[in-house]
N, C-alpha and C. Protein backbone atom coordinates (compact mmCIF):
# COMPACT_ATOMS: atom_id res chain seq x y z
N MET A 1 102.96 79.75 104.64
CA MET A 1 102.57 80.72 105.67
C MET A 1 103.82 81.38 106.23
N LYS A 2 103.68 82.66 106.58
CA LYS A 2 104.82 83.43 107.05
C LYS A 2 104.52 84.04 108.42
N ILE A 3 105.46 83.89 109.33
CA ILE A 3 105.33 84.44 110.67
C ILE A 3 106.51 85.37 110.92
N SER A 4 106.20 86.55 111.46
CA SER A 4 107.25 87.50 111.85
C SER A 4 107.46 87.43 113.36
N ILE A 5 108.71 87.37 113.77
CA ILE A 5 109.08 87.42 115.18
C ILE A 5 109.81 88.74 115.39
N ILE A 6 109.33 89.53 116.35
CA ILE A 6 109.92 90.83 116.63
C ILE A 6 110.55 90.81 118.01
N SER A 7 111.88 90.89 118.06
CA SER A 7 112.59 90.99 119.33
C SER A 7 112.73 92.46 119.68
N SER A 8 112.07 92.88 120.77
CA SER A 8 111.95 94.32 121.01
C SER A 8 112.82 94.82 122.16
N SER A 9 113.90 94.12 122.43
CA SER A 9 114.88 94.66 123.37
C SER A 9 115.77 95.67 122.64
N HIS A 10 116.33 96.61 123.41
CA HIS A 10 117.27 97.58 122.86
C HIS A 10 118.70 97.05 122.88
N ARG A 11 118.91 95.92 123.54
CA ARG A 11 120.25 95.42 123.76
C ARG A 11 120.66 94.42 122.69
N ILE A 12 121.90 94.53 122.22
CA ILE A 12 122.45 93.55 121.29
C ILE A 12 122.68 92.23 122.04
N ASN A 13 122.38 91.12 121.39
CA ASN A 13 122.53 89.79 121.99
C ASN A 13 121.78 89.67 123.32
N SER A 14 120.58 90.19 123.32
CA SER A 14 119.75 90.21 124.53
C SER A 14 119.12 88.85 124.79
N GLU A 15 118.57 88.71 125.99
CA GLU A 15 117.79 87.50 126.30
C GLU A 15 116.56 87.41 125.39
N SER A 16 115.99 88.54 125.05
CA SER A 16 114.83 88.54 124.15
C SER A 16 115.20 87.98 122.78
N LYS A 17 116.38 88.33 122.29
CA LYS A 17 116.84 87.80 121.00
C LYS A 17 117.06 86.28 121.11
N LYS A 18 117.62 85.83 122.22
CA LYS A 18 117.83 84.39 122.42
C LYS A 18 116.49 83.65 122.44
N ILE A 19 115.50 84.24 123.12
CA ILE A 19 114.17 83.63 123.14
C ILE A 19 113.56 83.65 121.74
N SER A 20 113.77 84.73 120.99
CA SER A 20 113.26 84.81 119.62
C SER A 20 113.87 83.72 118.75
N ASP A 21 115.17 83.49 118.89
CA ASP A 21 115.83 82.42 118.13
C ASP A 21 115.27 81.06 118.52
N PHE A 22 115.02 80.87 119.80
CA PHE A 22 114.44 79.61 120.28
C PHE A 22 113.04 79.40 119.69
N ILE A 23 112.24 80.46 119.67
CA ILE A 23 110.88 80.36 119.13
C ILE A 23 110.92 80.06 117.65
N GLU A 24 111.85 80.68 116.94
CA GLU A 24 111.99 80.38 115.51
C GLU A 24 112.25 78.90 115.28
N LYS A 25 113.16 78.31 116.05
CA LYS A 25 113.47 76.89 115.91
C LYS A 25 112.25 76.03 116.23
N ASN A 26 111.52 76.41 117.27
CA ASN A 26 110.32 75.66 117.64
C ASN A 26 109.26 75.71 116.55
N LEU A 27 109.07 76.90 115.97
CA LEU A 27 108.09 77.03 114.88
C LEU A 27 108.46 76.12 113.71
N LEU A 28 109.74 76.11 113.36
CA LEU A 28 110.17 75.29 112.23
C LEU A 28 110.11 73.80 112.55
N ASN A 29 110.23 73.44 113.83
CA ASN A 29 110.02 72.05 114.23
C ASN A 29 108.56 71.65 114.08
N ILE A 30 107.67 72.60 114.34
CA ILE A 30 106.24 72.34 114.18
C ILE A 30 105.88 72.24 112.70
N ASN A 31 106.43 73.16 111.90
CA ASN A 31 106.12 73.19 110.46
C ASN A 31 107.34 73.74 109.72
N ASN A 32 108.11 72.84 109.13
CA ASN A 32 109.36 73.30 108.48
C ASN A 32 109.11 73.99 107.14
N ASP A 33 107.85 74.12 106.72
CA ASP A 33 107.53 74.88 105.51
C ASP A 33 107.26 76.35 105.81
N LEU A 34 107.27 76.72 107.08
CA LEU A 34 107.02 78.11 107.44
C LEU A 34 108.14 79.01 106.94
N GLU A 35 107.76 80.22 106.56
CA GLU A 35 108.74 81.27 106.30
C GLU A 35 108.78 82.15 107.54
N ILE A 36 109.97 82.42 108.06
CA ILE A 36 110.11 83.23 109.27
C ILE A 36 110.87 84.51 108.94
N PHE A 37 110.32 85.63 109.38
CA PHE A 37 111.03 86.91 109.33
C PHE A 37 111.33 87.32 110.76
N LEU A 38 112.61 87.39 111.10
CA LEU A 38 113.02 87.75 112.45
C LEU A 38 113.57 89.18 112.44
N LEU A 39 112.88 90.05 113.15
CA LEU A 39 113.27 91.46 113.22
C LEU A 39 113.82 91.74 114.61
N ASP A 40 115.11 92.03 114.69
CA ASP A 40 115.76 92.38 115.95
C ASP A 40 115.84 93.90 116.03
N LEU A 41 115.01 94.49 116.88
CA LEU A 41 114.94 95.95 116.95
C LEU A 41 116.20 96.57 117.52
N ALA A 42 117.02 95.76 118.21
CA ALA A 42 118.30 96.28 118.70
C ALA A 42 119.26 96.53 117.55
N LYS A 43 119.13 95.76 116.48
CA LYS A 43 120.05 95.89 115.34
C LYS A 43 119.46 96.72 114.19
N SER A 44 118.16 96.88 114.17
CA SER A 44 117.53 97.56 113.03
C SER A 44 117.77 99.06 113.03
N SER A 45 118.07 99.61 114.21
CA SER A 45 118.36 101.05 114.35
C SER A 45 117.23 101.93 113.82
N LEU A 46 116.00 101.52 114.06
CA LEU A 46 114.86 102.35 113.64
C LEU A 46 114.69 103.51 114.62
N PRO A 47 114.66 104.73 114.12
CA PRO A 47 114.45 105.87 115.04
C PRO A 47 113.01 105.90 115.52
N LEU A 48 112.76 106.75 116.50
CA LEU A 48 111.39 106.94 116.96
C LEU A 48 110.55 107.53 115.83
N TRP A 49 109.27 107.19 115.82
CA TRP A 49 108.37 107.71 114.80
C TRP A 49 108.39 109.24 114.82
N SER A 50 108.36 109.81 113.63
CA SER A 50 108.19 111.26 113.49
C SER A 50 107.50 111.49 112.14
N PRO A 51 106.96 112.69 111.94
CA PRO A 51 106.31 112.98 110.65
C PRO A 51 107.25 112.83 109.46
N ASP A 52 108.58 112.86 109.72
CA ASP A 52 109.54 112.69 108.63
C ASP A 52 109.41 111.34 107.93
N LYS A 53 108.79 110.39 108.60
CA LYS A 53 108.63 109.06 108.00
C LYS A 53 107.89 109.15 106.66
N LYS A 54 106.98 110.10 106.55
CA LYS A 54 106.19 110.25 105.32
C LYS A 54 107.05 110.62 104.12
N ASN A 55 108.20 111.22 104.37
CA ASN A 55 109.08 111.64 103.27
C ASN A 55 109.79 110.47 102.61
N GLY A 56 109.88 109.35 103.31
CA GLY A 56 110.53 108.17 102.74
C GLY A 56 112.01 108.36 102.48
N GLU A 57 112.66 109.21 103.27
CA GLU A 57 114.08 109.48 103.07
C GLU A 57 114.91 108.81 104.16
N GLY A 58 116.19 108.55 103.86
CA GLY A 58 117.08 107.95 104.83
C GLY A 58 116.60 106.56 105.23
N VAL A 59 116.56 106.31 106.53
CA VAL A 59 116.14 105.00 107.02
C VAL A 59 114.69 104.68 106.63
N TRP A 60 113.90 105.73 106.37
CA TRP A 60 112.49 105.53 106.00
C TRP A 60 112.33 105.14 104.53
N GLY A 61 113.43 105.05 103.82
CA GLY A 61 113.39 104.59 102.43
C GLY A 61 113.55 103.08 102.38
N GLU A 62 114.66 102.63 101.84
CA GLU A 62 114.86 101.21 101.59
C GLU A 62 114.80 100.36 102.85
N THR A 63 115.40 100.84 103.95
CA THR A 63 115.43 100.05 105.19
C THR A 63 114.03 99.78 105.71
N TRP A 64 113.24 100.85 105.90
CA TRP A 64 111.90 100.66 106.44
C TRP A 64 111.00 99.94 105.43
N ASN A 65 111.13 100.27 104.16
CA ASN A 65 110.28 99.61 103.17
C ASN A 65 110.49 98.11 103.15
N SER A 66 111.71 97.66 103.33
CA SER A 66 111.99 96.22 103.38
C SER A 66 111.33 95.59 104.60
N ILE A 67 111.45 96.25 105.76
CA ILE A 67 110.81 95.73 106.98
C ILE A 67 109.30 95.72 106.81
N SER A 68 108.76 96.83 106.32
CA SER A 68 107.32 96.95 106.15
C SER A 68 106.76 95.87 105.23
N LYS A 69 107.45 95.59 104.13
CA LYS A 69 106.99 94.56 103.19
C LYS A 69 107.02 93.18 103.81
N ASN A 70 108.05 92.91 104.62
CA ASN A 70 108.11 91.62 105.30
C ASN A 70 106.97 91.46 106.30
N LEU A 71 106.67 92.53 107.03
CA LEU A 71 105.57 92.47 107.98
C LEU A 71 104.23 92.36 107.24
N GLU A 72 104.08 93.11 106.17
CA GLU A 72 102.82 93.09 105.40
C GLU A 72 102.54 91.71 104.81
N SER A 73 103.59 91.00 104.43
CA SER A 73 103.41 89.68 103.82
C SER A 73 103.30 88.57 104.86
N SER A 74 103.35 88.93 106.13
CA SER A 74 103.26 87.93 107.20
C SER A 74 101.80 87.64 107.54
N ASP A 75 101.58 86.43 108.01
CA ASP A 75 100.23 85.99 108.40
C ASP A 75 100.00 86.05 109.90
N GLY A 76 101.06 86.22 110.66
CA GLY A 76 100.95 86.28 112.11
C GLY A 76 102.23 86.83 112.70
N PHE A 77 102.14 87.25 113.97
CA PHE A 77 103.26 87.93 114.60
C PHE A 77 103.49 87.42 116.01
N ILE A 78 104.76 87.39 116.38
CA ILE A 78 105.15 87.10 117.76
C ILE A 78 106.03 88.25 118.21
N VAL A 79 105.61 88.94 119.25
CA VAL A 79 106.38 90.06 119.78
C VAL A 79 107.00 89.62 121.09
N VAL A 80 108.33 89.56 121.12
CA VAL A 80 109.07 89.19 122.33
C VAL A 80 109.49 90.49 122.99
N VAL A 81 108.93 90.74 124.18
CA VAL A 81 109.13 92.05 124.82
C VAL A 81 109.64 91.87 126.24
N PRO A 82 110.81 92.45 126.55
CA PRO A 82 111.28 92.41 127.92
C PRO A 82 110.58 93.47 128.76
N GLU A 83 110.57 93.24 130.06
CA GLU A 83 109.98 94.22 130.97
C GLU A 83 111.07 95.17 131.44
N TYR A 84 110.93 96.45 131.08
CA TYR A 84 111.87 97.49 131.52
C TYR A 84 111.14 98.35 132.55
N GLY A 85 111.51 98.23 133.81
CA GLY A 85 110.90 99.07 134.83
C GLY A 85 109.40 98.92 134.91
N GLY A 86 108.91 97.72 134.69
CA GLY A 86 107.46 97.48 134.74
C GLY A 86 106.72 97.94 133.50
N MET A 87 107.46 98.16 132.41
CA MET A 87 106.83 98.65 131.18
C MET A 87 107.34 97.88 129.97
N ALA A 88 106.59 97.96 128.87
CA ALA A 88 107.10 97.50 127.57
C ALA A 88 108.19 98.46 127.13
N THR A 89 109.11 97.96 126.33
CA THR A 89 110.23 98.80 125.89
C THR A 89 109.77 99.90 124.94
N PRO A 90 110.51 101.02 124.88
CA PRO A 90 110.21 102.04 123.88
C PRO A 90 110.24 101.48 122.46
N ALA A 91 111.15 100.55 122.18
CA ALA A 91 111.22 99.97 120.83
C ALA A 91 109.95 99.19 120.52
N ALA A 92 109.41 98.51 121.52
CA ALA A 92 108.16 97.75 121.30
C ALA A 92 107.02 98.69 120.97
N LYS A 93 106.91 99.79 121.72
CA LYS A 93 105.83 100.74 121.45
C LYS A 93 106.03 101.43 120.10
N ASN A 94 107.30 101.72 119.79
CA ASN A 94 107.60 102.44 118.56
C ASN A 94 107.22 101.66 117.31
N ILE A 95 107.45 100.35 117.32
CA ILE A 95 107.16 99.56 116.11
C ILE A 95 105.68 99.62 115.76
N PHE A 96 104.83 99.75 116.78
CA PHE A 96 103.39 99.85 116.50
C PHE A 96 103.03 101.21 115.93
N LEU A 97 103.75 102.25 116.34
CA LEU A 97 103.54 103.57 115.74
C LEU A 97 104.00 103.57 114.28
N LEU A 98 105.07 102.84 114.00
CA LEU A 98 105.62 102.82 112.64
C LEU A 98 104.75 102.04 111.67
N CYS A 99 104.03 101.03 112.19
CA CYS A 99 103.23 100.16 111.30
C CYS A 99 101.86 100.80 111.05
N GLY A 100 101.87 101.88 110.28
CA GLY A 100 100.64 102.62 110.02
C GLY A 100 100.01 102.35 108.67
N ASN A 101 100.54 101.39 107.93
CA ASN A 101 100.01 101.11 106.60
C ASN A 101 99.32 99.76 106.49
N GLY A 102 98.86 99.26 107.62
CA GLY A 102 98.12 98.00 107.61
C GLY A 102 98.98 96.76 107.65
N GLU A 103 100.26 96.92 108.00
CA GLU A 103 101.15 95.76 108.02
C GLU A 103 100.65 94.66 108.95
N LEU A 104 100.05 95.05 110.09
CA LEU A 104 99.62 94.08 111.10
C LEU A 104 98.11 93.85 111.09
N SER A 105 97.44 94.52 110.19
CA SER A 105 95.98 94.63 110.23
C SER A 105 95.26 93.29 110.13
N HIS A 106 94.43 93.02 111.15
CA HIS A 106 93.57 91.84 111.19
C HIS A 106 94.36 90.55 111.02
N LYS A 107 95.51 90.50 111.71
CA LYS A 107 96.34 89.30 111.76
C LYS A 107 96.61 88.98 113.22
N PRO A 108 96.75 87.71 113.55
CA PRO A 108 96.92 87.34 114.96
C PRO A 108 98.32 87.65 115.47
N GLY A 109 98.37 88.05 116.72
CA GLY A 109 99.65 88.32 117.37
C GLY A 109 99.74 87.61 118.71
N LEU A 110 100.93 87.20 119.05
CA LEU A 110 101.23 86.55 120.32
C LEU A 110 102.27 87.38 121.05
N ILE A 111 102.01 87.68 122.32
CA ILE A 111 102.97 88.41 123.14
C ILE A 111 103.75 87.41 123.99
N VAL A 112 105.07 87.49 123.89
CA VAL A 112 105.96 86.71 124.75
C VAL A 112 106.73 87.70 125.60
N SER A 113 106.45 87.71 126.89
CA SER A 113 107.10 88.64 127.79
C SER A 113 108.28 87.96 128.48
N VAL A 114 109.34 88.73 128.68
CA VAL A 114 110.59 88.22 129.24
C VAL A 114 110.95 89.04 130.46
N SER A 115 111.31 88.35 131.55
CA SER A 115 111.70 89.05 132.76
C SER A 115 112.91 88.36 133.38
N SER A 116 113.83 89.17 133.91
CA SER A 116 114.98 88.58 134.59
C SER A 116 114.62 88.13 135.99
N GLY A 117 113.47 88.56 136.48
CA GLY A 117 113.00 88.16 137.80
C GLY A 117 111.64 87.50 137.71
N ASN A 118 110.75 87.85 138.65
CA ASN A 118 109.42 87.23 138.70
C ASN A 118 108.34 88.11 138.10
N GLY A 119 108.73 89.11 137.31
CA GLY A 119 107.74 90.00 136.69
C GLY A 119 107.30 89.48 135.33
N GLY A 120 107.00 90.43 134.44
CA GLY A 120 106.66 90.06 133.07
C GLY A 120 105.23 90.27 132.66
N ALA A 121 104.33 90.55 133.63
CA ALA A 121 102.92 90.69 133.29
C ALA A 121 102.59 92.08 132.74
N TYR A 122 103.31 93.10 133.21
CA TYR A 122 102.95 94.46 132.82
C TYR A 122 103.09 94.75 131.33
N PRO A 123 104.15 94.30 130.65
CA PRO A 123 104.22 94.58 129.20
C PRO A 123 103.06 93.96 128.43
N ILE A 124 102.57 92.83 128.89
CA ILE A 124 101.43 92.19 128.21
C ILE A 124 100.19 93.07 128.33
N ALA A 125 99.92 93.53 129.56
CA ALA A 125 98.76 94.40 129.77
C ALA A 125 98.89 95.69 128.96
N GLU A 126 100.10 96.22 128.93
CA GLU A 126 100.33 97.49 128.20
C GLU A 126 100.11 97.33 126.71
N LEU A 127 100.68 96.29 126.13
CA LEU A 127 100.52 96.09 124.68
C LEU A 127 99.08 95.75 124.32
N ARG A 128 98.43 94.96 125.15
CA ARG A 128 97.02 94.62 124.85
C ARG A 128 96.13 95.85 124.90
N SER A 129 96.46 96.80 125.75
CA SER A 129 95.56 97.95 125.92
C SER A 129 95.82 99.08 124.95
N SER A 130 97.04 99.17 124.37
CA SER A 130 97.34 100.39 123.62
C SER A 130 97.97 100.19 122.25
N SER A 131 98.19 98.97 121.82
CA SER A 131 98.91 98.80 120.55
C SER A 131 98.00 98.45 119.37
N TYR A 132 96.74 98.15 119.63
CA TYR A 132 95.89 97.59 118.58
C TYR A 132 95.03 98.61 117.85
N LYS A 133 94.86 99.81 118.42
CA LYS A 133 93.83 100.72 117.91
C LYS A 133 93.97 100.99 116.41
N ASN A 134 95.11 101.50 115.98
CA ASN A 134 95.28 101.81 114.56
C ASN A 134 95.96 100.70 113.78
N THR A 135 96.71 99.85 114.47
CA THR A 135 97.36 98.74 113.76
C THR A 135 96.38 97.63 113.46
N HIS A 136 95.34 97.51 114.29
CA HIS A 136 94.35 96.45 114.15
C HIS A 136 94.95 95.05 114.29
N ILE A 137 96.08 94.95 114.98
CA ILE A 137 96.59 93.62 115.30
C ILE A 137 95.59 92.94 116.22
N MET A 138 95.46 91.65 116.11
CA MET A 138 94.48 90.91 116.91
C MET A 138 95.24 89.95 117.82
N TRP A 139 95.48 90.42 119.03
CA TRP A 139 96.19 89.58 120.00
C TRP A 139 95.37 88.34 120.34
N ILE A 140 95.99 87.18 120.26
CA ILE A 140 95.27 85.97 120.64
C ILE A 140 95.14 85.96 122.16
N PRO A 141 94.17 85.23 122.70
CA PRO A 141 93.92 85.30 124.15
C PRO A 141 94.98 84.62 125.01
N GLU A 142 95.91 83.92 124.39
CA GLU A 142 97.01 83.31 125.14
C GLU A 142 98.24 84.19 125.06
N ASN A 143 99.11 84.06 126.05
CA ASN A 143 100.42 84.72 126.01
C ASN A 143 101.42 83.83 126.73
N ILE A 144 102.67 84.20 126.66
CA ILE A 144 103.73 83.46 127.33
C ILE A 144 104.52 84.45 128.17
N ILE A 145 104.84 84.07 129.39
CA ILE A 145 105.74 84.84 130.24
C ILE A 145 106.91 83.95 130.61
N ILE A 146 108.10 84.38 130.27
CA ILE A 146 109.30 83.64 130.65
C ILE A 146 110.00 84.44 131.74
N ARG A 147 109.82 83.98 132.98
CA ARG A 147 110.44 84.62 134.14
C ARG A 147 111.80 83.98 134.42
N ASN A 148 112.64 84.72 135.13
CA ASN A 148 113.99 84.23 135.45
C ASN A 148 114.68 83.73 134.18
N VAL A 149 114.65 84.57 133.17
CA VAL A 149 115.01 84.14 131.82
C VAL A 149 116.45 83.66 131.70
N GLU A 150 117.32 84.13 132.57
CA GLU A 150 118.71 83.66 132.49
C GLU A 150 118.84 82.17 132.76
N GLU A 151 117.80 81.59 133.41
CA GLU A 151 117.80 80.16 133.71
C GLU A 151 117.07 79.34 132.64
N PHE A 152 116.61 80.02 131.59
CA PHE A 152 115.83 79.33 130.55
C PHE A 152 116.75 78.46 129.71
N ASN A 153 116.51 77.17 129.75
CA ASN A 153 117.30 76.20 129.00
C ASN A 153 116.41 74.99 128.72
N PRO A 154 115.68 75.00 127.61
CA PRO A 154 114.69 73.95 127.34
C PRO A 154 115.24 72.55 127.56
N GLY A 155 114.47 71.76 128.33
CA GLY A 155 114.87 70.40 128.66
C GLY A 155 115.68 70.32 129.93
N SER A 156 116.25 71.44 130.36
CA SER A 156 117.07 71.45 131.58
C SER A 156 117.08 72.84 132.20
N HIS A 157 115.88 73.32 132.53
CA HIS A 157 115.76 74.66 133.09
C HIS A 157 116.38 74.75 134.48
N GLY A 158 116.67 76.00 134.87
CA GLY A 158 117.07 76.25 136.25
C GLY A 158 115.90 76.00 137.18
N LYS A 159 116.18 76.04 138.48
CA LYS A 159 115.17 75.65 139.48
C LYS A 159 113.98 76.60 139.51
N ASN A 160 114.14 77.82 139.00
CA ASN A 160 113.05 78.80 139.06
C ASN A 160 112.16 78.79 137.83
N ILE A 161 112.38 77.84 136.91
CA ILE A 161 111.53 77.75 135.72
C ILE A 161 110.88 76.37 135.69
N PRO A 162 109.55 76.32 135.67
CA PRO A 162 108.86 75.01 135.67
C PRO A 162 109.07 74.27 134.36
N ASN A 163 109.16 72.96 134.44
CA ASN A 163 109.39 72.14 133.24
C ASN A 163 108.21 72.17 132.28
N TRP A 164 107.00 72.45 132.82
CA TRP A 164 105.82 72.46 131.94
C TRP A 164 105.82 73.64 130.98
N LEU A 165 106.72 74.61 131.20
CA LEU A 165 106.75 75.78 130.33
C LEU A 165 107.03 75.40 128.87
N ASP A 166 107.88 74.40 128.66
CA ASP A 166 108.19 73.98 127.28
C ASP A 166 106.94 73.52 126.55
N ASP A 167 106.11 72.72 127.22
CA ASP A 167 104.87 72.22 126.60
C ASP A 167 103.90 73.37 126.34
N ARG A 168 103.84 74.31 127.27
CA ARG A 168 102.93 75.44 127.07
C ARG A 168 103.36 76.29 125.88
N ILE A 169 104.67 76.50 125.73
CA ILE A 169 105.15 77.27 124.59
C ILE A 169 104.75 76.60 123.28
N ASP A 170 104.96 75.30 123.18
CA ASP A 170 104.57 74.58 121.96
C ASP A 170 103.07 74.66 121.73
N TYR A 171 102.29 74.53 122.80
CA TYR A 171 100.83 74.63 122.69
C TYR A 171 100.41 75.98 122.13
N VAL A 172 100.98 77.06 122.66
CA VAL A 172 100.59 78.41 122.24
C VAL A 172 101.07 78.69 120.82
N LEU A 173 102.26 78.21 120.45
CA LEU A 173 102.73 78.40 119.08
C LEU A 173 101.83 77.69 118.08
N ASN A 174 101.39 76.49 118.42
CA ASN A 174 100.44 75.78 117.56
C ASN A 174 99.14 76.54 117.43
N LEU A 175 98.68 77.13 118.52
CA LEU A 175 97.45 77.94 118.47
C LEU A 175 97.64 79.14 117.54
N LEU A 176 98.77 79.83 117.67
CA LEU A 176 99.01 80.99 116.82
C LEU A 176 98.97 80.60 115.34
N LEU A 177 99.59 79.48 115.00
CA LEU A 177 99.59 79.04 113.61
C LEU A 177 98.18 78.72 113.13
N ALA A 178 97.36 78.16 114.01
CA ALA A 178 95.97 77.88 113.64
C ALA A 178 95.19 79.17 113.42
N TYR A 179 95.40 80.15 114.29
CA TYR A 179 94.76 81.45 114.09
C TYR A 179 95.22 82.07 112.77
N ALA A 180 96.52 82.04 112.51
CA ALA A 180 97.06 82.65 111.30
C ALA A 180 96.47 82.03 110.05
N SER A 181 96.32 80.72 110.05
CA SER A 181 95.77 80.03 108.90
C SER A 181 94.28 80.34 108.71
N ASN A 182 93.55 80.32 109.81
CA ASN A 182 92.09 80.47 109.71
C ASN A 182 91.62 81.90 109.57
N MET A 183 92.48 82.86 109.86
CA MET A 183 92.08 84.27 109.73
C MET A 183 92.37 84.84 108.36
N LYS A 184 93.04 84.10 107.50
CA LYS A 184 93.35 84.62 106.16
C LYS A 184 92.10 85.08 105.40
N PRO A 185 91.01 84.31 105.38
CA PRO A 185 89.83 84.76 104.61
C PRO A 185 89.25 86.06 105.12
N LEU A 186 89.41 86.34 106.40
CA LEU A 186 88.87 87.57 106.98
C LEU A 186 89.41 88.81 106.29
N ARG A 187 90.66 88.76 105.87
CA ARG A 187 91.31 89.95 105.34
C ARG A 187 90.80 90.34 103.96
N THR A 188 90.02 89.49 103.32
CA THR A 188 89.47 89.83 102.01
C THR A 188 88.35 90.86 102.11
N ILE A 189 87.79 91.05 103.31
CA ILE A 189 86.68 92.00 103.46
C ILE A 189 87.10 93.27 104.19
N ILE A 190 88.39 93.41 104.50
CA ILE A 190 88.85 94.57 105.25
C ILE A 190 88.86 95.81 104.36
N ASN A 191 88.32 96.91 104.89
CA ASN A 191 88.26 98.19 104.18
C ASN A 191 89.13 99.20 104.91
N ARG A 192 90.42 99.22 104.58
CA ARG A 192 91.32 100.17 105.22
C ARG A 192 91.22 101.57 104.60
N LYS A 193 90.70 101.64 103.37
CA LYS A 193 90.58 102.95 102.72
C LYS A 193 89.65 103.88 103.51
N ASP A 194 88.52 103.34 103.93
CA ASP A 194 87.54 104.16 104.66
C ASP A 194 87.69 104.06 106.16
N PHE A 195 88.21 102.91 106.65
CA PHE A 195 88.25 102.66 108.08
C PHE A 195 89.64 102.17 108.49
N GLY A 196 90.64 102.96 108.13
CA GLY A 196 92.02 102.55 108.39
C GLY A 196 92.43 102.68 109.83
N ASN A 197 91.76 103.56 110.59
CA ASN A 197 92.11 103.78 111.99
C ASN A 197 90.96 103.37 112.90
N GLY A 198 91.31 103.05 114.15
CA GLY A 198 90.27 102.71 115.12
C GLY A 198 89.54 103.95 115.59
N MET A 199 88.47 103.73 116.32
CA MET A 199 87.67 104.85 116.83
C MET A 199 88.22 105.34 118.16
C-alpha cells in the first residue's frame, strides 16, 4: 500500500515539513511495508495552474508527470496544511487544481492542520468545502490540528500541547490506513470517462 504525504507550506524547512517527516516515521512504525511518497510543495516549485499545463511543456512535462504518477499510484493521502491568515495556503489549493486526471479520485484523505498559535480549524473547513468537487478525494471524518507547533516534540511536548495528541495522531493514522485498504475495491467501478467532474 502507498500513502502520499503533501507538505503544503511555501517555506523551506517549514514546521509543516517537520510534521510531514514525523508522520512518515509514524506510518512506517505502524506498517514498515508501506511505500511513502513525500511531496514538499516548497521545494517542488510547481507554478499556479494555468491552461498551459495541457501542453505538457517545461515543468508540466517530466516534473509534473512524475508527481502525478506517484499520486495516481497512491492509495491514500495526508495533506499537511499550515494556516496562513486564517486560510489554507495557495500551494494547498493549487495542488487540487493540478490534480485533474483522477490522481486523488475516490481515495481517502486526511487533513493535518498546523498553527503557530491556537488556530488551525479554518484550513480544514476550507479544504473540506472546496477541494473535493473535481478531484473526488474523500476526506475521512477525522482530522488532526497541531496548535503551537513550535512546541511539538512527541513524548516531551511544550506546555501548550496536550500529551494525548500523540495517541490521537496514531489513532487517526491507523484509521486512514484502514480506509485506504478497504476502499480499493470501490475504484473498480469508477467511471471517470463520463463522470470525471462533480456537479
